[in-house]
């Protein structure tokens, strides 16, 4: 009888000691670089998705958004998802000129690239991460082109 009580107390002590190690609600997720990249990509998307009326710029703008969406989906497919949708409300500085919006979008794309480039290397997600970086870089090139084209409007 004494052994059973001792075993129960010892087991309860181990469980009580393990609980603080497993419950850490304030600790960031296991892939903060991926989550930062998702946030930056969504912000860049919102800065670009403003409905240009001039065809050449509108085409580039829409194509850049397409590549940003592809990068977001690849990151999500790698099982790193913060649960936010592409069209969730996002506050942008509406006082920026169209050219400043392109500049801001490119800053965010560069930040997303850096986040992914320096993210922890998860072997299962490596190929998707590298493809997402390629999409981001291509979107960056398109935004540069759209900004140059917009100067001629």
N, C-alpha and C. Protein backbone atom coordinates (compact mmCIF):
# COMPACT_ATOMS: atom_id res chain seq x y z
N UNK A 1 0.83 -1.18 0.00
CA UNK A 1 0.00 0.00 0.00
C UNK A 1 0.88 1.26 0.00
N UNK A 2 1.89 1.28 0.86
CA UNK A 2 2.78 2.43 0.93
C UNK A 2 3.46 2.67 -0.41
N UNK A 3 3.80 1.64 -1.13
CA UNK A 3 4.47 1.76 -2.43
C UNK A 3 3.55 2.38 -3.46
N UNK A 4 2.27 2.03 -3.44
CA UNK A 4 1.31 2.60 -4.40
C UNK A 4 1.16 4.10 -4.16
N UNK A 5 1.06 4.51 -2.93
CA UNK A 5 0.91 5.93 -2.60
C UNK A 5 2.15 6.69 -3.02
N UNK A 6 3.32 6.11 -2.73
CA UNK A 6 4.57 6.75 -3.12
C UNK A 6 4.66 6.90 -4.63
N UNK A 7 4.29 5.86 -5.36
CA UNK A 7 4.33 5.89 -6.83
C UNK A 7 3.38 6.95 -7.37
N UNK A 8 2.19 7.07 -6.78
CA UNK A 8 1.22 8.08 -7.23
C UNK A 8 1.74 9.48 -6.96
N UNK A 9 2.37 9.70 -5.82
CA UNK A 9 2.90 11.02 -5.49
C UNK A 9 4.07 11.35 -6.42
N UNK A 10 4.91 10.38 -6.66
CA UNK A 10 6.05 10.59 -7.55
C UNK A 10 5.58 10.90 -8.96
N UNK A 11 4.59 10.17 -9.46
CA UNK A 11 4.03 10.40 -10.79
C UNK A 11 3.40 11.78 -10.87
N UNK A 12 2.65 12.17 -9.87
CA UNK A 12 2.02 13.49 -9.85
C UNK A 12 3.08 14.59 -9.85
N UNK A 13 4.18 14.36 -9.15
CA UNK A 13 5.27 15.34 -9.14
C UNK A 13 5.89 15.51 -10.52
N UNK A 14 6.10 14.41 -11.25
CA UNK A 14 6.65 14.49 -12.61
C UNK A 14 5.70 15.22 -13.54
N UNK A 15 4.42 14.93 -13.45
CA UNK A 15 3.42 15.59 -14.30
C UNK A 15 3.39 17.08 -14.00
N UNK A 16 3.40 17.45 -12.72
CA UNK A 16 3.36 18.86 -12.34
C UNK A 16 4.62 19.59 -12.83
N UNK A 17 5.75 18.91 -12.81
CA UNK A 17 6.98 19.53 -13.27
C UNK A 17 6.99 19.70 -14.79
N UNK A 18 6.32 18.82 -15.51
CA UNK A 18 6.32 18.87 -16.97
C UNK A 18 5.35 19.90 -17.52
N UNK A 19 4.30 20.25 -16.81
CA UNK A 19 3.29 21.17 -17.31
C UNK A 19 3.86 22.53 -17.68
N UNK A 20 4.68 23.18 -16.86
CA UNK A 20 5.21 24.49 -17.26
C UNK A 20 6.05 24.42 -18.54
N UNK A 21 6.66 23.28 -18.82
CA UNK A 21 7.48 23.16 -20.03
C UNK A 21 6.62 23.05 -21.29
N UNK A 22 5.39 22.56 -21.15
CA UNK A 22 4.56 22.35 -22.33
C UNK A 22 3.58 23.48 -22.58
N UNK A 23 3.26 24.29 -21.62
CA UNK A 23 2.30 25.37 -21.78
C UNK A 23 3.06 26.70 -21.83
N UNK A 24 3.24 27.22 -23.04
CA UNK A 24 3.94 28.48 -23.22
C UNK A 24 3.20 29.30 -24.27
N UNK A 25 2.07 29.85 -23.90
CA UNK A 25 1.21 30.56 -24.85
C UNK A 25 1.85 31.83 -25.39
N UNK A 26 2.77 32.45 -24.65
CA UNK A 26 3.34 33.71 -25.10
C UNK A 26 4.56 33.54 -26.00
N UNK A 27 5.02 32.32 -26.18
CA UNK A 27 6.19 32.08 -27.01
C UNK A 27 5.76 32.11 -28.47
N UNK A 28 6.52 32.81 -29.35
CA UNK A 28 6.15 32.86 -30.76
C UNK A 28 6.18 31.47 -31.38
N UNK A 29 5.50 31.33 -32.52
CA UNK A 29 5.43 30.06 -33.21
C UNK A 29 6.80 29.54 -33.59
N UNK A 30 6.86 28.30 -34.03
CA UNK A 30 8.14 27.69 -34.31
C UNK A 30 8.82 28.23 -35.57
N UNK A 31 8.13 28.98 -36.37
CA UNK A 31 8.68 29.49 -37.63
C UNK A 31 8.42 30.98 -37.79
N UNK A 32 8.97 31.81 -36.91
CA UNK A 32 8.66 33.24 -36.98
C UNK A 32 9.09 33.90 -38.29
N UNK A 33 10.17 33.44 -38.89
CA UNK A 33 10.62 34.04 -40.16
C UNK A 33 9.58 33.82 -41.25
N UNK A 34 8.97 32.65 -41.28
CA UNK A 34 7.93 32.37 -42.27
C UNK A 34 6.70 33.25 -42.01
N UNK A 35 6.34 33.41 -40.74
CA UNK A 35 5.18 34.23 -40.41
C UNK A 35 5.44 35.70 -40.74
N UNK A 36 6.66 36.18 -40.52
CA UNK A 36 7.00 37.56 -40.90
C UNK A 36 6.92 37.71 -42.42
N UNK A 37 7.41 36.71 -43.14
CA UNK A 37 7.36 36.76 -44.61
C UNK A 37 5.91 36.81 -45.08
N UNK A 38 5.04 36.00 -44.48
CA UNK A 38 3.61 36.04 -44.85
C UNK A 38 3.03 37.42 -44.63
N UNK A 39 3.34 38.01 -43.50
CA UNK A 39 2.83 39.35 -43.19
C UNK A 39 3.34 40.37 -44.20
N UNK A 40 4.63 40.32 -44.52
CA UNK A 40 5.20 41.26 -45.49
C UNK A 40 4.59 41.06 -46.87
N UNK A 41 4.37 39.82 -47.26
CA UNK A 41 3.79 39.56 -48.59
C UNK A 41 2.35 40.07 -48.67
N UNK A 42 1.59 39.86 -47.61
CA UNK A 42 0.22 40.37 -47.62
C UNK A 42 0.21 41.90 -47.70
N UNK A 43 1.11 42.54 -46.99
CA UNK A 43 1.18 44.00 -47.02
C UNK A 43 1.56 44.47 -48.42
N UNK A 44 2.56 43.84 -49.03
CA UNK A 44 2.97 44.22 -50.39
C UNK A 44 1.80 44.06 -51.35
N UNK A 45 1.06 42.98 -51.18
CA UNK A 45 -0.11 42.72 -52.03
C UNK A 45 -1.12 43.85 -51.93
N UNK A 46 -1.36 44.31 -50.72
CA UNK A 46 -2.33 45.38 -50.53
C UNK A 46 -1.84 46.70 -51.11
N UNK A 47 -0.54 46.96 -51.03
CA UNK A 47 -0.01 48.19 -51.64
C UNK A 47 -0.12 48.16 -53.16
N UNK A 48 -0.08 46.98 -53.74
CA UNK A 48 -0.14 46.88 -55.20
C UNK A 48 -1.57 46.79 -55.72
N UNK A 49 -2.42 46.15 -55.01
CA UNK A 49 -3.76 45.83 -55.49
C UNK A 49 -4.68 47.05 -55.42
N UNK A 50 -4.35 48.08 -56.23
CA UNK A 50 -5.12 49.32 -56.14
C UNK A 50 -5.84 49.68 -57.43
N UNK A 51 -5.90 48.76 -58.39
CA UNK A 51 -6.73 48.95 -59.58
C UNK A 51 -6.28 50.05 -60.52
N UNK A 52 -5.06 49.96 -61.03
CA UNK A 52 -4.58 50.92 -62.02
C UNK A 52 -5.50 50.91 -63.23
N UNK A 53 -5.80 52.06 -63.79
CA UNK A 53 -6.64 52.14 -64.98
C UNK A 53 -5.82 51.98 -66.26
N UNK A 54 -4.55 52.37 -66.24
CA UNK A 54 -3.72 52.31 -67.43
C UNK A 54 -3.25 50.88 -67.67
N UNK A 55 -3.58 50.33 -68.82
CA UNK A 55 -3.35 48.94 -69.15
C UNK A 55 -1.98 48.37 -68.86
N UNK A 56 -0.89 48.99 -69.35
CA UNK A 56 0.43 48.40 -69.11
C UNK A 56 0.79 48.28 -67.62
N UNK A 57 0.43 49.29 -66.84
CA UNK A 57 0.73 49.24 -65.41
C UNK A 57 -0.21 48.26 -64.72
N UNK A 58 -1.46 48.26 -65.11
CA UNK A 58 -2.44 47.34 -64.52
C UNK A 58 -2.01 45.89 -64.74
N UNK A 59 -1.51 45.58 -65.94
CA UNK A 59 -1.05 44.23 -66.24
C UNK A 59 0.09 43.83 -65.31
N UNK A 60 1.10 44.70 -65.18
CA UNK A 60 2.23 44.40 -64.31
C UNK A 60 1.79 44.28 -62.85
N UNK A 61 0.94 45.19 -62.43
CA UNK A 61 0.44 45.18 -61.06
C UNK A 61 -0.27 43.86 -60.76
N UNK A 62 -1.17 43.45 -61.67
CA UNK A 62 -1.90 42.20 -61.48
C UNK A 62 -0.97 40.99 -61.51
N UNK A 63 0.04 41.02 -62.39
CA UNK A 63 0.98 39.90 -62.46
C UNK A 63 1.81 39.80 -61.19
N UNK A 64 2.24 40.93 -60.67
CA UNK A 64 3.00 40.91 -59.41
C UNK A 64 2.15 40.33 -58.28
N UNK A 65 0.88 40.72 -58.20
CA UNK A 65 -0.02 40.19 -57.18
C UNK A 65 -0.17 38.68 -57.36
N UNK A 66 -0.25 38.22 -58.61
CA UNK A 66 -0.35 36.78 -58.88
C UNK A 66 0.86 36.03 -58.32
N UNK A 67 2.06 36.57 -58.51
CA UNK A 67 3.27 35.90 -58.01
C UNK A 67 3.38 35.99 -56.49
N UNK A 68 2.91 37.09 -55.92
CA UNK A 68 2.87 37.19 -54.46
C UNK A 68 1.91 36.15 -53.89
N UNK A 69 0.74 36.00 -54.52
CA UNK A 69 -0.22 34.98 -54.07
C UNK A 69 0.39 33.59 -54.16
N UNK A 70 1.15 33.33 -55.24
CA UNK A 70 1.80 32.02 -55.39
C UNK A 70 2.80 31.79 -54.26
N UNK A 71 3.58 32.81 -53.91
CA UNK A 71 4.54 32.68 -52.81
C UNK A 71 3.82 32.42 -51.49
N UNK A 72 2.74 33.14 -51.25
CA UNK A 72 1.96 32.94 -50.01
C UNK A 72 1.45 31.51 -49.96
N UNK A 73 0.91 31.02 -51.06
CA UNK A 73 0.37 29.66 -51.08
C UNK A 73 1.46 28.61 -50.87
N UNK A 74 2.65 28.85 -51.41
CA UNK A 74 3.75 27.90 -51.20
C UNK A 74 4.17 27.86 -49.74
N UNK A 75 4.20 29.02 -49.10
CA UNK A 75 4.56 29.04 -47.68
C UNK A 75 3.49 28.31 -46.88
N UNK A 76 2.23 28.54 -47.23
CA UNK A 76 1.14 27.85 -46.54
C UNK A 76 1.19 26.35 -46.79
N UNK A 77 1.53 25.96 -48.01
CA UNK A 77 1.62 24.54 -48.34
C UNK A 77 2.74 23.87 -47.54
N UNK A 78 3.74 24.63 -47.19
CA UNK A 78 4.82 24.10 -46.36
C UNK A 78 4.36 23.98 -44.90
N UNK A 79 3.07 24.15 -44.68
CA UNK A 79 2.44 24.00 -43.37
C UNK A 79 2.80 25.09 -42.38
N UNK A 80 3.12 26.24 -42.88
CA UNK A 80 3.34 27.38 -42.01
C UNK A 80 2.25 28.38 -42.34
N UNK A 81 1.21 28.42 -41.55
CA UNK A 81 0.06 29.24 -41.85
C UNK A 81 -0.37 29.98 -40.60
N UNK A 82 -0.61 31.26 -40.75
CA UNK A 82 -1.06 32.03 -39.60
C UNK A 82 -2.58 32.20 -39.60
N UNK A 83 -3.26 31.56 -40.55
CA UNK A 83 -4.71 31.58 -40.57
C UNK A 83 -5.34 32.81 -41.17
N UNK A 84 -4.54 33.75 -41.66
CA UNK A 84 -5.08 34.97 -42.25
C UNK A 84 -5.31 34.77 -43.74
N UNK A 85 -6.37 35.38 -44.25
CA UNK A 85 -6.69 35.29 -45.67
C UNK A 85 -6.05 36.41 -46.47
N UNK A 86 -5.99 36.20 -47.79
CA UNK A 86 -5.39 37.20 -48.68
C UNK A 86 -6.15 38.52 -48.66
N UNK A 87 -7.45 38.44 -48.46
CA UNK A 87 -8.26 39.65 -48.53
C UNK A 87 -8.70 40.16 -47.16
N UNK A 88 -8.06 39.67 -46.11
CA UNK A 88 -8.37 40.19 -44.79
C UNK A 88 -8.03 41.69 -44.77
N UNK A 89 -8.78 42.47 -44.01
CA UNK A 89 -8.51 43.91 -43.96
C UNK A 89 -7.06 44.18 -43.55
N UNK A 90 -6.48 45.17 -44.20
CA UNK A 90 -5.10 45.54 -43.92
C UNK A 90 -4.99 47.04 -44.08
N UNK A 91 -4.42 47.69 -43.10
CA UNK A 91 -4.29 49.15 -43.16
C UNK A 91 -3.02 49.53 -43.91
N UNK A 92 -3.18 50.32 -44.96
CA UNK A 92 -2.01 50.84 -45.68
C UNK A 92 -2.08 52.36 -45.65
N UNK A 93 -0.96 52.97 -45.92
CA UNK A 93 -0.89 54.43 -45.96
C UNK A 93 -1.47 54.89 -47.28
N UNK A 94 -2.72 55.33 -47.26
CA UNK A 94 -3.40 55.74 -48.49
C UNK A 94 -2.91 57.08 -49.00
N UNK A 95 -2.12 57.78 -48.21
CA UNK A 95 -1.58 59.06 -48.64
C UNK A 95 -0.36 58.93 -49.55
N UNK A 96 0.13 57.72 -49.73
CA UNK A 96 1.29 57.52 -50.58
C UNK A 96 0.91 57.67 -52.05
N UNK A 97 1.82 58.25 -52.82
CA UNK A 97 1.61 58.34 -54.27
C UNK A 97 1.73 56.93 -54.85
N UNK A 98 1.23 56.70 -56.07
CA UNK A 98 1.37 55.37 -56.68
C UNK A 98 2.83 54.91 -56.73
N UNK A 99 3.74 55.81 -57.03
CA UNK A 99 5.15 55.43 -57.10
C UNK A 99 5.70 55.05 -55.73
N UNK A 100 5.25 55.75 -54.70
CA UNK A 100 5.66 55.40 -53.34
C UNK A 100 5.07 54.07 -52.91
N UNK A 101 3.88 53.76 -53.42
CA UNK A 101 3.28 52.46 -53.12
C UNK A 101 4.09 51.33 -53.76
N UNK A 102 4.59 51.56 -54.98
CA UNK A 102 5.46 50.57 -55.61
C UNK A 102 6.74 50.40 -54.78
N UNK A 103 7.31 51.51 -54.34
CA UNK A 103 8.53 51.46 -53.54
C UNK A 103 8.29 50.69 -52.25
N UNK A 104 7.16 50.98 -51.58
CA UNK A 104 6.82 50.31 -50.33
C UNK A 104 6.60 48.81 -50.56
N UNK A 105 5.91 48.48 -51.64
CA UNK A 105 5.69 47.06 -51.96
C UNK A 105 7.03 46.35 -52.17
N UNK A 106 7.96 47.00 -52.87
CA UNK A 106 9.27 46.38 -53.10
C UNK A 106 10.06 46.24 -51.80
N UNK A 107 9.93 47.19 -50.89
CA UNK A 107 10.59 47.07 -49.59
C UNK A 107 10.05 45.85 -48.84
N UNK A 108 8.74 45.67 -48.90
CA UNK A 108 8.12 44.53 -48.22
C UNK A 108 8.51 43.20 -48.88
N UNK A 109 8.59 43.21 -50.21
CA UNK A 109 9.02 42.00 -50.92
C UNK A 109 10.46 41.65 -50.55
N UNK A 110 11.32 42.65 -50.47
CA UNK A 110 12.72 42.41 -50.08
C UNK A 110 12.79 41.87 -48.64
N UNK A 111 11.96 42.40 -47.77
CA UNK A 111 11.94 41.91 -46.38
C UNK A 111 11.47 40.46 -46.33
N UNK A 112 10.44 40.13 -47.12
CA UNK A 112 9.95 38.75 -47.16
C UNK A 112 11.04 37.81 -47.68
N UNK A 113 11.77 38.26 -48.72
CA UNK A 113 12.87 37.46 -49.25
C UNK A 113 13.91 37.19 -48.15
N UNK A 114 14.30 38.25 -47.43
CA UNK A 114 15.29 38.09 -46.35
C UNK A 114 14.78 37.15 -45.27
N UNK A 115 13.50 37.29 -44.90
CA UNK A 115 12.93 36.42 -43.87
C UNK A 115 13.03 34.96 -44.29
N UNK A 116 12.65 34.67 -45.52
CA UNK A 116 12.68 33.29 -45.98
C UNK A 116 14.10 32.78 -46.16
N UNK A 117 14.97 33.65 -46.62
CA UNK A 117 16.36 33.26 -46.85
C UNK A 117 17.05 32.87 -45.53
N UNK A 118 16.67 33.55 -44.46
CA UNK A 118 17.28 33.30 -43.16
C UNK A 118 16.41 32.44 -42.25
N UNK A 119 15.33 31.90 -42.80
CA UNK A 119 14.45 31.06 -41.99
C UNK A 119 15.15 29.75 -41.67
N UNK A 120 14.71 29.15 -40.57
CA UNK A 120 15.29 27.86 -40.24
C UNK A 120 15.04 26.90 -41.39
N UNK A 121 15.97 26.02 -41.60
CA UNK A 121 15.91 25.11 -42.74
C UNK A 121 15.14 23.86 -42.35
N UNK A 122 13.90 23.79 -42.77
CA UNK A 122 13.07 22.62 -42.53
C UNK A 122 13.14 21.78 -43.81
N UNK A 123 13.79 20.62 -43.77
CA UNK A 123 14.01 19.85 -45.01
C UNK A 123 12.74 19.59 -45.82
N UNK A 124 11.62 19.36 -45.14
CA UNK A 124 10.38 19.08 -45.85
C UNK A 124 9.85 20.31 -46.59
N UNK A 125 10.26 21.49 -46.15
CA UNK A 125 9.73 22.72 -46.73
C UNK A 125 10.75 23.45 -47.61
N UNK A 126 11.96 22.92 -47.70
CA UNK A 126 13.04 23.62 -48.40
C UNK A 126 12.68 23.95 -49.85
N UNK A 127 12.17 22.97 -50.59
CA UNK A 127 11.85 23.22 -52.01
C UNK A 127 10.75 24.27 -52.16
N UNK A 128 9.72 24.19 -51.34
CA UNK A 128 8.66 25.19 -51.41
C UNK A 128 9.17 26.56 -51.00
N UNK A 129 10.03 26.61 -50.00
CA UNK A 129 10.61 27.90 -49.58
C UNK A 129 11.41 28.52 -50.72
N UNK A 130 12.22 27.71 -51.38
CA UNK A 130 13.04 28.22 -52.49
C UNK A 130 12.17 28.67 -53.66
N UNK A 131 11.10 27.95 -53.93
CA UNK A 131 10.18 28.37 -55.00
C UNK A 131 9.48 29.66 -54.61
N UNK A 132 9.11 29.80 -53.35
CA UNK A 132 8.46 31.04 -52.88
C UNK A 132 9.41 32.22 -53.03
N UNK A 133 10.69 32.02 -52.71
CA UNK A 133 11.67 33.08 -52.89
C UNK A 133 11.75 33.47 -54.36
N UNK A 134 11.71 32.49 -55.26
CA UNK A 134 11.73 32.78 -56.69
C UNK A 134 10.52 33.61 -57.12
N UNK A 135 9.35 33.28 -56.60
CA UNK A 135 8.13 34.05 -56.91
C UNK A 135 8.25 35.48 -56.38
N UNK A 136 8.79 35.62 -55.19
CA UNK A 136 8.96 36.95 -54.59
C UNK A 136 9.91 37.78 -55.43
N UNK A 137 11.03 37.18 -55.84
CA UNK A 137 12.00 37.92 -56.65
C UNK A 137 11.41 38.32 -58.00
N UNK A 138 10.61 37.43 -58.58
CA UNK A 138 9.99 37.75 -59.86
C UNK A 138 8.97 38.88 -59.68
N UNK A 139 8.19 38.83 -58.60
CA UNK A 139 7.23 39.91 -58.31
C UNK A 139 7.98 41.23 -58.13
N UNK A 140 9.13 41.19 -57.48
CA UNK A 140 9.94 42.39 -57.27
C UNK A 140 10.34 42.99 -58.62
N UNK A 141 10.76 42.15 -59.55
CA UNK A 141 11.14 42.61 -60.89
C UNK A 141 9.95 43.23 -61.61
N UNK A 142 8.80 42.61 -61.48
CA UNK A 142 7.59 43.12 -62.13
C UNK A 142 7.20 44.48 -61.55
N UNK A 143 7.30 44.62 -60.23
CA UNK A 143 6.97 45.90 -59.59
C UNK A 143 7.92 46.99 -60.06
N UNK A 144 9.21 46.66 -60.18
CA UNK A 144 10.17 47.63 -60.73
C UNK A 144 9.74 48.07 -62.13
N UNK A 145 9.35 47.10 -62.95
CA UNK A 145 8.91 47.41 -64.31
C UNK A 145 7.64 48.27 -64.30
N UNK A 146 6.70 47.92 -63.45
CA UNK A 146 5.45 48.69 -63.35
C UNK A 146 5.75 50.13 -62.93
N UNK A 147 6.67 50.30 -62.00
CA UNK A 147 7.03 51.64 -61.55
C UNK A 147 7.65 52.45 -62.69
N UNK A 148 8.52 51.83 -63.47
CA UNK A 148 9.11 52.54 -64.62
C UNK A 148 8.03 52.88 -65.65
N UNK A 149 7.14 51.93 -65.92
CA UNK A 149 6.07 52.16 -66.87
C UNK A 149 5.14 53.27 -66.40
N UNK A 150 4.86 53.29 -65.11
CA UNK A 150 3.94 54.28 -64.54
C UNK A 150 4.49 55.70 -64.69
N UNK A 151 5.80 55.85 -64.76
CA UNK A 151 6.40 57.17 -64.95
C UNK A 151 6.04 57.76 -66.31
N UNK A 152 5.64 56.91 -67.23
CA UNK A 152 5.30 57.39 -68.59
C UNK A 152 3.82 57.74 -68.72
N UNK A 153 3.02 57.41 -67.73
CA UNK A 153 1.58 57.71 -67.80
C UNK A 153 1.33 59.20 -67.73
